Protein backbone atom coordinates (compact mmCIF):
# COMPACT_ATOMS: atom_id res chain seq x y z
CA MET A 1 0.09 0.03 0.03
CA ALA A 2 2.85 2.32 0.86
CA ALA A 3 4.37 1.94 -2.54
CA ILE A 4 1.28 3.17 -4.55
CA ASP A 5 1.66 6.87 -4.52
CA ALA A 6 5.47 6.71 -4.42
CA ASN A 7 5.39 5.03 -7.81
CA LEU A 8 3.21 7.67 -9.33
CA ALA A 9 5.49 10.72 -9.08
CA PRO A 10 8.34 11.04 -11.79
CA PRO A 11 11.78 10.79 -10.20
CA PRO A 12 13.25 14.08 -9.11
CA PRO A 13 16.17 15.45 -11.03
CA ARG A 14 19.50 14.30 -9.83
CA ARG A 15 21.42 16.76 -7.91
CA GLN A 16 25.05 16.77 -6.95
CA THR A 17 24.96 16.93 -3.19
CA ARG A 18 28.17 17.23 -1.08
CA PRO A 19 28.51 14.21 1.12
CA LEU A 20 28.72 14.87 4.77
CA SER A 21 32.28 14.00 6.00
CA GLY A 22 33.03 11.69 8.90
CA GLY A 23 30.96 8.71 10.13
CA GLY A 24 29.54 7.92 6.71
CA PHE A 25 31.50 4.80 6.09
CA ALA A 26 29.95 3.03 9.11
CA TRP A 27 26.41 3.78 7.88
CA VAL A 28 27.37 2.71 4.32
CA LEU A 29 28.58 -0.62 5.75
CA ALA A 30 25.41 -1.07 7.73
CA SER A 31 23.39 -0.31 4.64
CA ALA A 32 25.45 -2.89 2.65
CA LEU A 33 24.82 -5.49 5.49
CA VAL A 34 21.03 -4.90 5.37
CA ALA A 35 21.11 -5.24 1.49
CA ALA A 36 23.17 -8.44 1.82
CA LEU A 37 20.51 -9.84 4.16
CA VAL A 38 17.79 -9.21 1.56
CA ILE A 39 19.81 -10.66 -1.24
CA ALA A 40 20.93 -13.69 0.69
CA PRO A 41 17.61 -15.53 0.43
CA VAL A 42 17.57 -15.15 -3.38
CA LEU A 43 21.15 -16.47 -3.73
CA ALA A 44 20.31 -19.47 -1.33
CA LEU A 45 17.27 -20.19 -3.45
CA ILE A 46 19.43 -20.42 -6.64
CA TRP A 47 21.93 -22.67 -4.80
CA GLN A 48 19.18 -24.96 -3.32
CA ALA A 49 17.41 -25.24 -6.72
CA ALA A 50 20.71 -26.31 -8.37
CA GLN A 51 20.85 -29.28 -5.93
CA GLY A 52 18.04 -30.88 -7.81
CA SER A 53 18.65 -33.29 -10.61
CA THR A 54 17.57 -32.86 -14.24
CA GLY A 55 15.04 -35.74 -13.95
CA LEU A 56 13.53 -33.75 -11.00
CA TRP A 57 13.00 -30.73 -13.07
CA SER A 58 11.44 -32.68 -15.91
CA HIS A 59 9.12 -34.33 -13.54
CA LEU A 60 8.12 -31.01 -11.83
CA TRP A 61 7.41 -29.57 -15.24
CA ALA A 62 5.27 -32.31 -16.34
CA HIS A 63 3.26 -32.88 -13.15
CA VAL A 64 3.52 -29.63 -11.15
CA LEU A 65 4.87 -26.58 -13.02
CA ALA A 66 2.73 -26.83 -16.17
CA PRO A 67 -0.74 -27.10 -14.37
CA ALA A 68 0.30 -24.50 -11.78
CA LEU A 69 1.61 -22.05 -14.46
CA GLY A 70 -1.62 -22.36 -16.28
CA GLN A 71 -3.85 -21.82 -13.21
CA THR A 72 -1.58 -18.94 -12.12
CA ALA A 73 -1.71 -17.25 -15.51
CA LEU A 74 -5.56 -17.59 -15.69
CA LEU A 75 -5.86 -16.22 -12.10
CA LEU A 76 -3.61 -13.21 -12.82
CA ALA A 77 -5.43 -12.44 -16.05
CA GLY A 78 -8.92 -12.54 -14.40
CA VAL A 79 -7.85 -10.65 -11.30
CA GLY A 80 -6.05 -8.12 -13.42
CA LEU A 81 -9.07 -7.51 -15.59
CA VAL A 82 -11.41 -7.23 -12.56
CA VAL A 83 -9.18 -4.84 -10.53
CA THR A 84 -8.47 -2.73 -13.52
CA VAL A 85 -12.16 -2.34 -14.58
CA LEU A 86 -13.49 -1.90 -11.16
CA GLY A 87 -10.76 0.38 -9.70
CA THR A 88 -10.66 2.64 -12.71
CA GLY A 89 -14.48 2.89 -13.12
CA LEU A 90 -14.90 3.68 -9.38
CA ALA A 91 -12.05 6.18 -9.47
CA TRP A 92 -13.68 8.05 -12.47
CA LEU A 93 -17.04 7.95 -10.68
CA VAL A 94 -15.70 9.63 -7.56
CA ALA A 95 -13.28 11.97 -9.14
CA ALA A 96 -15.47 13.28 -12.00
CA HIS A 97 -18.86 13.28 -10.33
CA ASP A 98 -20.46 14.91 -7.33
CA PHE A 99 -23.45 13.05 -5.76
CA PRO A 100 -24.91 12.55 -2.24
CA GLY A 101 -22.47 10.67 -0.02
CA ARG A 102 -19.58 11.08 -2.41
CA ARG A 103 -17.22 12.22 0.39
CA TRP A 104 -18.07 9.22 2.45
CA LEU A 105 -17.70 6.92 -0.52
CA ASP A 106 -14.44 8.27 -1.39
CA TRP A 107 -12.68 6.64 1.57
CA ALA A 108 -15.24 3.84 2.13
CA LEU A 109 -14.11 2.28 -1.20
CA LEU A 110 -10.76 1.60 0.27
CA LEU A 111 -12.15 -0.55 3.26
CA PRO A 112 -11.88 -3.93 1.42
CA LEU A 113 -8.09 -3.47 1.78
CA ALA A 114 -8.53 -4.17 5.48
CA VAL A 115 -9.76 -7.70 4.64
CA PRO A 116 -6.92 -10.09 3.71
CA SER A 117 -7.68 -12.37 0.80
CA TYR A 118 -7.70 -15.51 2.90
CA ILE A 119 -10.27 -14.03 5.20
CA ILE A 120 -12.75 -13.07 2.51
CA ALA A 121 -12.41 -16.62 1.02
CA PHE A 122 -12.93 -17.99 4.56
CA VAL A 123 -16.08 -15.92 5.04
CA TYR A 124 -17.59 -16.51 1.58
CA LEU A 125 -17.16 -20.28 1.77
CA GLU A 126 -19.40 -20.29 4.75
CA LEU A 127 -21.81 -17.61 3.37
CA SER A 128 -22.27 -19.38 0.01
CA HIS A 129 -22.46 -22.86 1.34
CA PRO A 130 -25.53 -24.72 0.01
CA LEU A 131 -26.90 -24.75 3.59
CA GLY A 132 -25.54 -21.32 4.30
CA PRO A 133 -27.54 -18.10 4.85
CA LEU A 134 -27.23 -16.76 1.35
CA GLN A 135 -28.52 -19.77 -0.52
CA GLU A 136 -31.12 -20.60 2.15
CA GLY A 137 -32.40 -17.01 1.75
CA LEU A 138 -32.55 -17.18 -1.94
CA ARG A 139 -34.44 -20.48 -1.91
CA ALA A 140 -36.86 -19.08 0.58
CA MET A 141 -37.47 -16.02 -1.62
CA LEU A 142 -37.94 -18.23 -4.77
CA GLY A 143 -40.03 -20.93 -3.17
CA TYR A 144 -37.59 -23.77 -3.17
CA SER A 145 -37.30 -26.10 -0.25
CA SER A 146 -33.89 -27.88 -0.69
CA PRO A 147 -30.47 -27.51 -2.45
CA ARG A 148 -31.49 -30.33 -4.85
CA GLU A 149 -34.10 -27.98 -6.37
CA PHE A 150 -31.82 -24.82 -6.57
CA ARG A 151 -28.33 -24.03 -5.60
CA LEU A 152 -25.70 -21.43 -6.81
CA PRO A 153 -22.50 -22.41 -8.61
CA ASP A 154 -19.70 -23.58 -6.21
CA ILE A 155 -17.49 -20.84 -5.26
CA ARG A 156 -14.62 -23.20 -4.87
CA SER A 157 -13.53 -22.58 -8.46
CA LEU A 158 -11.09 -20.48 -10.45
CA ALA A 159 -13.92 -18.00 -11.32
CA GLY A 160 -14.75 -17.75 -7.55
CA ALA A 161 -11.17 -16.98 -6.65
CA ILE A 162 -10.93 -14.27 -9.45
CA PHE A 163 -14.20 -12.66 -8.12
CA LEU A 164 -13.17 -12.63 -4.35
CA LEU A 165 -9.58 -11.64 -4.94
CA GLY A 166 -10.86 -8.82 -7.24
CA LEU A 167 -13.20 -7.43 -4.51
CA VAL A 168 -10.40 -7.02 -1.95
CA LEU A 169 -7.55 -5.92 -4.33
CA TYR A 170 -9.36 -3.28 -6.59
CA PRO A 171 -8.36 -0.53 -4.12
CA TYR A 172 -4.68 -1.04 -5.24
CA VAL A 173 -5.94 0.40 -8.58
CA TYR A 174 -8.57 2.76 -7.24
CA LEU A 175 -6.31 4.74 -5.03
CA PRO A 176 -3.64 5.79 -7.61
CA VAL A 177 -6.05 6.27 -10.46
CA ARG A 178 -8.36 8.39 -8.25
CA ALA A 179 -5.27 10.63 -7.51
CA MET A 180 -4.31 10.76 -11.19
CA PHE A 181 -7.79 11.82 -12.28
CA ALA A 182 -7.92 14.50 -9.60
CA MET A 183 -4.58 15.84 -10.65
CA GLN A 184 -5.54 16.00 -14.38
CA ALA A 185 -5.95 19.62 -15.73
CA ALA A 186 -9.56 20.59 -16.14
CA GLY A 187 -8.49 22.61 -19.29
CA LEU A 188 -7.63 19.48 -21.12
CA LEU A 189 -11.08 17.96 -20.66
CA GLU A 190 -12.67 21.26 -21.39
CA ALA A 191 -10.74 21.54 -24.61
CA GLY A 192 -11.96 17.94 -25.47
CA ARG A 193 -15.50 19.03 -24.71
CA MET A 194 -15.16 22.00 -27.03
CA LEU A 195 -14.19 19.63 -29.76
CA GLY A 196 -17.41 17.76 -29.60
CA CYS A 197 -16.48 14.83 -27.15
CA THR A 198 -19.17 13.49 -24.99
CA ARG A 199 -18.56 12.59 -21.41
CA ALA A 200 -18.09 8.95 -22.21
CA ARG A 201 -15.49 9.81 -25.01
CA LEU A 202 -13.70 12.19 -22.77
CA PHE A 203 -13.08 9.28 -20.40
CA THR A 204 -12.11 6.82 -23.06
CA ARG A 205 -10.15 9.07 -25.35
CA LEU A 206 -8.49 11.43 -22.98
CA ALA A 207 -8.75 10.72 -19.22
CA LEU A 208 -8.09 6.93 -19.51
CA PRO A 209 -4.81 7.19 -21.56
CA LEU A 210 -3.61 9.91 -19.32
CA ALA A 211 -4.22 7.55 -16.18
CA ARG A 212 -2.48 4.48 -17.79
CA PRO A 213 0.69 4.77 -15.64
CA ALA A 214 -1.38 4.86 -12.53
CA ILE A 215 -3.43 1.84 -13.67
CA ALA A 216 -0.12 0.02 -14.40
CA VAL A 217 1.19 0.80 -10.84
CA GLY A 218 -2.02 -0.36 -9.08
CA ALA A 219 -2.73 -3.40 -11.32
CA SER A 220 0.97 -4.66 -10.74
CA LEU A 221 0.69 -4.37 -6.98
CA ALA A 222 -2.68 -6.19 -7.11
CA LEU A 223 -1.18 -8.91 -9.14
CA MET A 224 1.74 -9.26 -6.81
CA GLU A 225 -0.64 -9.71 -3.85
CA THR A 226 -2.31 -12.32 -5.86
CA LEU A 227 0.82 -14.15 -6.43
CA ASN A 228 1.53 -13.94 -2.75
CA ASP A 229 -1.77 -15.35 -1.74
CA ILE A 230 -1.90 -18.87 -0.45
CA GLY A 231 -4.88 -19.14 1.88
CA ALA A 232 -7.66 -18.04 -0.65
CA ALA A 233 -6.18 -20.07 -3.50
CA GLU A 234 -5.99 -23.20 -1.32
CA PHE A 235 -9.46 -22.74 0.21
CA LEU A 236 -10.86 -22.19 -3.18
CA GLY A 237 -9.19 -25.12 -4.91
CA VAL A 238 -6.91 -23.13 -7.23
CA ARG A 239 -3.52 -24.68 -7.63
CA THR A 240 -1.16 -21.60 -8.06
CA LEU A 241 2.57 -21.60 -7.98
CA THR A 242 2.40 -20.49 -4.35
CA VAL A 243 0.34 -23.46 -3.36
CA SER A 244 2.49 -25.76 -5.42
CA ILE A 245 5.61 -24.49 -3.50
CA TYR A 246 4.00 -25.22 -0.20
CA ALA A 247 2.85 -28.68 -1.15
CA THR A 248 6.16 -29.62 -2.65
CA TRP A 249 7.96 -28.42 0.47
CA VAL A 250 5.73 -29.41 3.28
CA THR A 251 3.76 -32.41 1.91
CA ARG A 252 6.47 -34.04 -0.23
CA SER A 253 9.53 -32.81 1.77
CA ASP A 254 11.14 -31.88 -1.53
CA LEU A 255 13.19 -28.75 -0.81
CA PRO A 256 15.11 -28.56 -4.19
CA GLY A 257 11.88 -29.06 -6.06
CA ALA A 258 10.16 -26.16 -4.06
CA ALA A 259 13.23 -24.05 -4.75
CA GLN A 260 12.96 -24.64 -8.49
CA ILE A 261 9.23 -23.66 -8.53
CA ALA A 262 10.04 -20.53 -6.48
CA LEU A 263 12.66 -19.55 -9.06
CA VAL A 264 10.00 -19.84 -11.68
CA MET A 265 7.77 -17.68 -9.45
CA LEU A 266 10.45 -15.10 -9.31
CA VAL A 267 10.71 -15.02 -13.10
CA VAL A 268 6.91 -14.30 -13.24
CA VAL A 269 7.37 -11.44 -10.65
CA ALA A 270 10.19 -9.90 -12.70
CA GLY A 271 7.89 -10.01 -15.68
CA LEU A 272 5.23 -8.15 -13.81
CA VAL A 273 7.73 -5.55 -12.69
CA ALA A 274 9.06 -5.23 -16.26
CA CYS A 275 5.56 -4.76 -17.73
CA GLU A 276 4.78 -2.15 -15.06
CA ARG A 277 7.91 -0.24 -15.81
CA LEU A 278 7.18 -0.36 -19.52
CA ALA A 279 3.64 0.95 -19.09
CA ARG A 280 4.99 3.82 -16.95
CA ARG A 281 7.73 4.87 -19.33
CA GLN A 282 5.87 7.86 -20.74
CA GLN A 283 4.28 8.91 -17.50
CA ARG A 284 5.54 12.41 -17.62
CA PHE A 285 3.05 12.96 -20.46
CA ALA A 286 0.45 13.31 -17.78
CA GLY A 287 1.94 16.41 -16.12
CA GLY A 288 3.32 19.87 -16.83
CA ALA A 289 5.40 22.51 -15.33
CA GLN A 290 2.63 25.11 -15.13
CA ARG A 291 0.01 25.39 -12.45
CA ILE A 292 -3.10 23.57 -13.48
CA ARG A 293 -6.75 23.81 -12.51
CA PRO A 294 -8.02 20.58 -10.94
CA LEU A 295 -10.90 18.67 -12.31
CA GLU A 296 -14.38 19.92 -11.42
CA PRO A 297 -16.75 17.10 -10.68
CA VAL A 298 -20.08 17.14 -12.51
CA ARG A 299 -23.15 17.42 -10.34
CA LEU A 300 -25.42 14.37 -10.47
CA ALA A 301 -28.91 15.18 -8.99
CA GLY A 302 -32.00 13.16 -8.29
CA LEU A 303 -32.09 9.42 -9.23
CA ALA A 304 -28.71 9.66 -11.14
CA GLY A 305 -26.96 10.74 -8.00
CA TRP A 306 -28.53 8.14 -5.75
CA GLY A 307 -27.94 5.61 -8.48
CA ALA A 308 -24.25 6.48 -8.44
CA LEU A 309 -23.99 6.24 -4.79
CA GLY A 310 -25.68 2.80 -4.83
CA LEU A 311 -23.34 1.52 -7.69
CA GLY A 312 -20.30 2.68 -5.53
CA LEU A 313 -21.52 0.88 -2.45
CA VAL A 314 -21.82 -2.47 -4.15
CA PRO A 315 -18.04 -3.37 -3.94
CA VAL A 316 -17.93 -1.97 -0.35
CA ALA A 317 -20.78 -4.14 0.72
CA LEU A 318 -19.49 -7.29 -0.96
CA GLY A 319 -15.83 -6.79 -0.06
CA PHE A 320 -16.16 -5.33 3.43
CA GLY A 321 -19.78 -5.10 4.72
CA ALA A 322 -20.87 -8.56 4.30
CA PRO A 323 -17.70 -10.16 5.70
CA LEU A 324 -17.66 -7.84 8.67
CA ILE A 325 -21.23 -8.48 9.58
CA TRP A 326 -20.73 -12.25 9.39
CA LEU A 327 -17.61 -12.06 11.46
CA LEU A 328 -19.32 -9.92 14.10
CA SER A 329 -22.17 -12.25 14.27
CA GLU A 330 -20.18 -15.44 14.49
CA ALA A 331 -17.58 -14.04 16.88
CA GLY A 332 -20.35 -12.66 19.08
CA SER A 333 -22.11 -16.03 19.14
CA ARG A 334 -18.91 -17.79 19.95
CA ILE A 335 -17.89 -15.40 22.75
CA ALA A 336 -21.39 -15.56 24.25
CA SER A 337 -21.49 -19.42 24.27
CA ALA A 338 -17.81 -20.25 25.08
CA GLY A 339 -15.98 -16.99 25.69
CA ILE A 340 -12.49 -16.43 24.28
CA SER A 341 -10.31 -19.41 24.88
CA ALA A 342 -6.93 -19.23 26.52
CA GLN A 343 -5.37 -20.56 23.30
CA LEU A 344 -6.71 -17.62 21.45
CA TRP A 345 -5.26 -15.24 23.93
CA ALA A 346 -1.85 -16.96 23.48
CA GLU A 347 -2.08 -16.69 19.77
CA LEU A 348 -2.94 -12.99 20.05
CA ARG A 349 0.05 -12.52 22.29
CA ALA A 350 2.26 -14.41 19.88
CA THR A 351 1.02 -12.36 17.00
CA LEU A 352 1.62 -9.16 18.76
CA CYS A 353 5.10 -10.14 19.98
CA LEU A 354 6.13 -11.26 16.40
CA ALA A 355 4.73 -8.22 14.71
CA GLY A 356 6.18 -5.88 17.27
CA SER A 357 9.66 -7.22 17.18
CA ALA A 358 9.62 -7.48 13.37
CA THR A 359 8.43 -3.82 13.04
CA LEU A 360 11.24 -2.66 15.23
CA ALA A 361 13.80 -4.61 13.19
CA VAL A 362 12.32 -3.40 9.90
CA LEU A 363 12.51 0.24 11.19
CA ILE A 364 16.07 -0.07 12.33
CA GLY A 365 17.09 -1.69 8.88
CA GLY A 366 15.13 0.99 6.96
CA MET A 367 16.77 3.74 8.98
CA ALA A 368 20.23 2.37 8.32
CA VAL A 369 19.62 2.25 4.48
CA SER A 370 17.98 5.58 4.27
CA PHE A 371 20.48 7.48 6.58
CA ALA A 372 23.38 6.09 4.65
CA ALA A 373 21.94 7.48 1.38
CA ARG A 374 21.47 10.79 3.25
CA LEU A 375 25.08 11.00 4.45
CA VAL A 376 26.81 9.67 1.39
CA PRO A 377 24.61 10.30 -1.68
CA GLY A 378 25.68 8.58 -4.76
CA ARG A 379 25.35 5.54 -6.99
CA LEU A 380 26.59 3.00 -4.36
CA THR A 381 23.94 4.01 -1.62
CA GLU A 382 21.20 4.33 -4.28
CA THR A 383 21.96 0.74 -5.44
CA LEU A 384 22.07 -0.51 -1.88
CA GLY A 385 18.68 1.13 -1.21
CA ARG A 386 17.13 -0.54 -4.26
CA LEU A 387 18.55 -3.90 -3.39
CA ALA A 388 17.18 -3.66 0.16
CA SER A 389 13.70 -2.91 -1.19
CA LEU A 390 13.58 -6.03 -3.40
CA GLY A 391 11.91 -8.18 -0.86
CA TYR A 392 8.53 -6.27 -1.28
CA ALA A 393 8.16 -7.86 -4.73
CA MET A 394 8.86 -11.31 -3.56
CA PRO A 395 5.95 -13.52 -2.52
CA GLY A 396 6.08 -14.67 1.17
CA THR A 397 6.57 -18.37 0.18
CA VAL A 398 9.55 -17.44 -1.82
CA VAL A 399 11.10 -15.39 0.88
CA ALA A 400 10.31 -18.04 3.43
CA LEU A 401 11.97 -20.78 1.25
CA GLY A 402 14.93 -18.48 0.67
CA VAL A 403 15.34 -17.83 4.37
CA LEU A 404 15.16 -21.42 5.38
CA VAL A 405 18.36 -22.46 3.52
CA PRO A 406 20.88 -20.03 5.21
CA THR A 407 19.15 -20.12 8.67
CA GLY A 408 18.99 -23.90 8.52
CA ALA A 409 22.65 -24.11 7.64
CA LEU A 410 23.62 -21.75 10.36
CA ASP A 411 21.51 -23.70 12.76
CA ARG A 412 23.33 -26.98 11.89
CA TRP A 413 26.67 -25.12 12.28
CA ILE A 414 25.74 -23.79 15.76
CA ASP A 415 24.45 -27.18 16.80
CA ARG A 416 27.69 -29.02 15.79
CA GLY A 417 29.80 -26.30 17.42
CA THR A 418 27.96 -26.43 20.79
CA GLU A 419 27.96 -30.19 20.69
CA ALA A 420 31.68 -30.31 20.16
CA ALA A 421 32.49 -27.63 22.81
CA PHE A 422 30.01 -28.47 25.45
CA GLY A 423 28.62 -31.87 24.61
CA GLN A 424 25.11 -30.43 24.22
CA GLY A 425 23.53 -29.42 20.88
CA THR A 426 21.15 -26.55 20.33
CA GLY A 427 18.94 -28.01 17.76
CA LEU A 428 17.05 -25.64 15.49
CA LEU A 429 17.95 -22.54 17.48
CA LEU A 430 17.11 -19.88 14.94
CA ILE A 431 14.13 -21.53 13.32
CA GLY A 432 12.81 -22.78 16.56
CA SER A 433 13.07 -19.38 18.28
CA GLY A 434 11.36 -17.40 15.56
CA VAL A 435 14.41 -15.62 14.53
CA ALA A 436 14.05 -17.18 10.90
CA LEU A 437 10.48 -15.83 10.83
CA GLY A 438 11.49 -12.41 11.95
CA TYR A 439 14.31 -12.46 9.23
CA ALA A 440 11.55 -13.21 6.54
CA TYR A 441 9.53 -10.31 7.83
CA LEU A 442 12.54 -8.12 7.49
CA VAL A 443 13.17 -9.16 3.95
CA ARG A 444 9.50 -8.87 2.97
CA PHE A 445 8.59 -5.52 4.49
CA LEU A 446 11.83 -3.57 4.53
CA ALA A 447 10.81 -1.60 1.41
CA ILE A 448 7.91 0.04 3.49
CA SER A 449 10.35 1.31 6.02
CA VAL A 450 12.98 2.55 3.53
CA GLY A 451 10.25 4.40 1.47
CA GLY A 452 8.80 5.92 4.61
CA VAL A 453 12.07 6.99 6.06
CA GLU A 454 13.37 8.46 2.76
CA SER A 455 10.22 10.50 2.27
CA GLY A 456 10.62 11.83 5.87
CA LEU A 457 14.31 12.61 5.43
CA ALA A 458 13.45 14.41 2.10
CA GLN A 459 11.43 17.03 4.10
CA ILE A 460 14.29 17.86 6.37
CA PRO A 461 16.65 20.57 4.99
CA ARG A 462 20.31 19.60 4.71
CA ALA A 463 21.25 22.83 6.08
CA LEU A 464 20.31 21.45 9.40
CA ASP A 465 22.69 18.59 9.00
CA HIS A 466 25.47 20.84 8.26
CA ALA A 467 24.50 23.11 11.29
CA ALA A 468 24.63 20.14 13.51
CA ARG A 469 27.95 19.07 12.29
CA SER A 470 29.40 22.59 12.75
CA LEU A 471 28.37 22.30 16.45
CA GLY A 472 30.38 19.20 16.74
CA HIS A 473 27.75 16.51 16.49
CA GLY A 474 28.59 13.34 14.56
CA PRO A 475 26.06 11.37 12.39
CA GLY A 476 24.94 9.27 15.30
CA ALA A 477 24.31 12.30 17.57
CA SER A 478 22.72 14.16 14.70
CA LEU A 479 20.37 11.30 14.06
CA ARG A 480 19.46 10.89 17.76
CA ARG A 481 18.90 14.65 18.59
CA LEU A 482 17.89 16.14 15.13
CA HIS A 483 16.53 13.60 12.65
CA LEU A 484 14.69 11.08 14.84
CA PRO A 485 12.47 13.87 16.41
CA LEU A 486 11.65 15.31 13.04
CA LEU A 487 11.02 11.82 11.58
CA ARG A 488 8.56 10.79 14.18
CA PRO A 489 5.43 11.10 12.01
CA ALA A 490 7.06 9.21 9.06
CA LEU A 491 8.32 6.44 11.43
CA ILE A 492 4.85 6.12 13.14
CA ALA A 493 3.31 5.76 9.66
CA ALA A 494 5.91 3.12 8.45
CA ALA A 495 5.58 1.26 11.73
CA LEU A 496 1.79 1.14 11.54
CA LEU A 497 1.87 -0.24 8.04
CA VAL A 498 4.53 -2.76 8.78
CA PHE A 499 2.80 -3.94 11.99
CA VAL A 500 -0.49 -4.59 10.26
CA ASP A 501 1.05 -6.23 7.26
CA THR A 502 2.96 -8.58 9.62
CA MET A 503 -0.19 -9.41 11.50
CA LYS A 504 -1.90 -10.35 8.21
CA GLU A 505 1.08 -12.12 6.67
CA LEU A 506 0.11 -15.85 6.11
CA SER A 507 2.57 -17.42 3.64
CA ALA A 508 5.81 -16.84 5.41
CA THR A 509 4.28 -17.31 8.86
CA LEU A 510 2.61 -20.56 7.92
CA LEU A 511 6.08 -22.02 6.67
CA LEU A 512 8.52 -20.62 9.31
CA ARG A 513 6.63 -20.31 12.55
CA PRO A 514 8.22 -22.22 15.43
CA LEU A 515 6.83 -25.59 16.42
CA GLY A 516 3.86 -25.25 18.66
CA VAL A 517 3.42 -21.47 17.97
CA GLU A 518 0.28 -20.22 16.23
CA THR A 519 -0.59 -16.69 15.26
CA LEU A 520 -3.99 -15.35 14.46
CA ALA A 521 -3.47 -15.85 10.63
CA THR A 522 -2.30 -19.47 11.09
CA HIS A 523 -4.96 -20.22 13.54
CA LEU A 524 -7.52 -19.01 10.99
CA TYR A 525 -5.95 -21.08 8.26
CA GLY A 526 -6.11 -24.14 10.35
CA GLU A 527 -9.83 -23.60 11.40
CA ALA A 528 -10.75 -23.12 7.62
CA ALA A 529 -8.82 -26.19 6.54
CA ARG A 530 -10.83 -28.19 9.17
CA GLY A 531 -14.07 -26.55 8.15
CA SER A 532 -14.75 -25.19 11.68
CA TYR A 533 -15.46 -21.50 10.47
CA GLU A 534 -17.10 -20.34 13.68
CA ASP A 535 -13.96 -20.92 15.71
CA GLY A 536 -11.86 -18.92 13.37
CA ALA A 537 -14.25 -15.95 13.31
CA ILE A 538 -12.77 -14.14 16.36
CA ALA A 539 -9.25 -14.33 15.00
CA ALA A 540 -10.38 -13.16 11.55
CA LEU A 541 -12.28 -10.24 13.30
CA ALA A 542 -9.12 -9.25 15.15
CA ILE A 543 -7.05 -9.10 11.91
CA VAL A 544 -9.71 -7.13 10.12
CA ALA A 545 -10.03 -4.61 12.99
CA ALA A 546 -6.26 -4.12 12.96
CA GLY A 547 -6.32 -3.17 9.38
CA ILE A 548 -9.17 -0.64 9.43
CA GLY A 549 -7.17 2.20 11.03
CA PRO A 550 -4.30 2.31 8.41
CA VAL A 551 -6.89 1.98 5.54
CA ILE A 552 -8.75 5.00 6.80
CA ALA A 553 -5.46 6.92 7.01
CA LEU A 554 -4.50 5.90 3.57
CA SER A 555 -7.75 7.19 2.16
CA ARG A 556 -6.42 10.71 2.74
CA ILE A 557 -3.58 10.24 0.32
CA GLY A 558 -4.05 11.76 -3.05
CA ARG A 559 -7.44 13.33 -2.11
CA ALA A 560 -7.97 16.47 -4.28
CA LYS A 561 -8.65 19.51 -2.13
CA PRO A 562 -10.90 21.53 -4.54
CA GLY A 563 -13.25 18.81 -5.34
CA GLY A 564 -13.23 17.14 -2.03
């Protein structure tokens, strides 16, 4: 989410900035260490994949990769189409029209972001069950008495996965496209209107081409989230690359085979990033150096206005309202009958502990990378920053698999060393203590911290750095006494996003959590796998509640002042 608006703005012109003398080498070294920690899982993945035989590769291609690639390609194409059409259409509705409830709908359309994909699949599997409330209600309305007489198509299908993932991922397109429409010059659209264009032709021939870079940014982020999904795909019976990695590693105990599938997945991710970069190559066409007059929304009165509001409320109701109501109902019934179990409290504590420690590590790593670039600007620190941000594009299963190889090797080395020195081994010290999982969180979410800290540092004049240096303060003292107080809003925002994303992360947590440790996300996954949906409702509700605050804050980004 944090990467959406950052990708919209063209890169600022490069300036030759005099590096600050003294102390910079230590920070560059720290930045290089953080970048190495991010790159290590990728290198380990390549090394592990090379351990597999040629026969293994041919077997994987015939029986695993080919079907998984086909399912993944269809899922990506379907989700991409749904989020592009839905996100772009809703963005134009809100940015170019004024109607009752528009200001409320403006931020409400982002609420589905608070519902992780595996939770919406979890909810709709119960809602759409042949004996569930939705089909029972429809049969009562239509006069049918049993599922044999009338039943809806099974949501456990590729089409169901496309529909549900599109419902929760369209805000990735809606947010940047809404901002792009709001920033477009009203004069351009007025010129088109003077040339005889209707409102529909203005959208298709002028506004839509100008918004293409924003659409590419949002769609690529939505597709990366689709690739990262494991819970919804598995619940709905879609065999994607992510599900295949999990099955090959956990079920078949075939680590080289899982690594080979993960490398194929990285190629798919690289292709998505390349397509997004290609689509944004001409993005400067959308802006100009002169001051522009923002787009004035057209007033929709009467039935047209209320119809627009109703149209906009449909995805909010399906992607957020219905799941929230069901979760509240089921969680309330469960608490009233059995209370909150001690196990769930333990899982909540484990979730908060893991998320809190991971957030602290991610903020420290992001500060090291960003402050090094501040002290010693140049190609080296810029490259280190890009390398440190690569993990955000890697799905959680790929990160987890890459982390397992070096931490497992280090665990074995520590175990042999302590056995030889003290006669007592340590076992899986790093994996069993949760350090490996924290490492995976660091790799996966470091880009959020780097982006947040860099944007905060950009608001601090460099004259303050030089003034602090002239008073005898080194980089560490300047950071502690000058930069950190000024960076507090940026750090809080980054910490909030990392904390919530860590709470929701399922793929890496599922694969690397210590034995006997459950989080809210893995508890929900286990309950859904067993079909006991009521027991998972409380955990799902806690995860959704944690995501609502950041989504509401995110809704303020890119909002046009004139039009509201």
